[in-house]
């Protein structure tokens, strides 16, 4: 199915590995030109080289920390300088940060909100005027199912993700007259660099990575941990004209794990 993404311009944050890299790879395979950003320059450069091999679209890598407003401005400016427009924004950068409530101080709360909420706000604020010039666009925010159904010892992550889902819904209504569609993808347990590092820290001396994933999968209705490419497929669809009547949605991509839709 042709998604009609050839020649579109996308920004994918956190694009150096895991879900972000898979999303950028899928968009490039569809012919979109993609700007990826991440903090680690060496990993980012390697990712850009690998992604470029997967399709006709072009890839530009920008080292950036999305908690810094000046870095966000540089990413958007790079996209405009390189390709002249922005059609798609995928807010993906983030990391797990779940603790008991009483263990979280003000600095940790603020850091998480800057990474997972304010980065979204700042990127969207910069790209919306450009999307209006183009007659529309897509904003796709990568959240988590815990933002809908938070568990114990899950703050600040679940709170910042819940705020992001609310932002998605509010902006979908506000930007609809401009044909800017705003949706969220709420992921569950997905294979990623973060998941691998968690295994290395806590379980590598006890079981293999595949064994750990199999153990985690026992609690998921579909019986397995998800693949980053499965999230990427959903994002590519939401970015396309095939999803032209979908906005304000927060779609679970979790193998049935979440108790709410």
Foldseek 3Di string as FASTA:
>chain_A
DQQPLALAEEEFEPCLKFLNLLLLLVSQQSRYAYEYEEADPVSQVVSLVVSVVRHNHHYHYAYADLLDLVRLVVSVVVSCVVRNAHAEYELDDDAADFFAPVVDDPVNLVVRLSNQPVSLVSNCVVRLVRQLVVQEHEYEYEAALCLVVPDGRRPDRNVSRVVVLVVQLVVCVVCVVSLYAGEYEHEAFEDMPNLVVVCVVPPVVPDPPVVVQQVVQCQAQQRGGHYSNVVSVVVSNRRGVVVSPDHSYHHYDYNRNRPDD
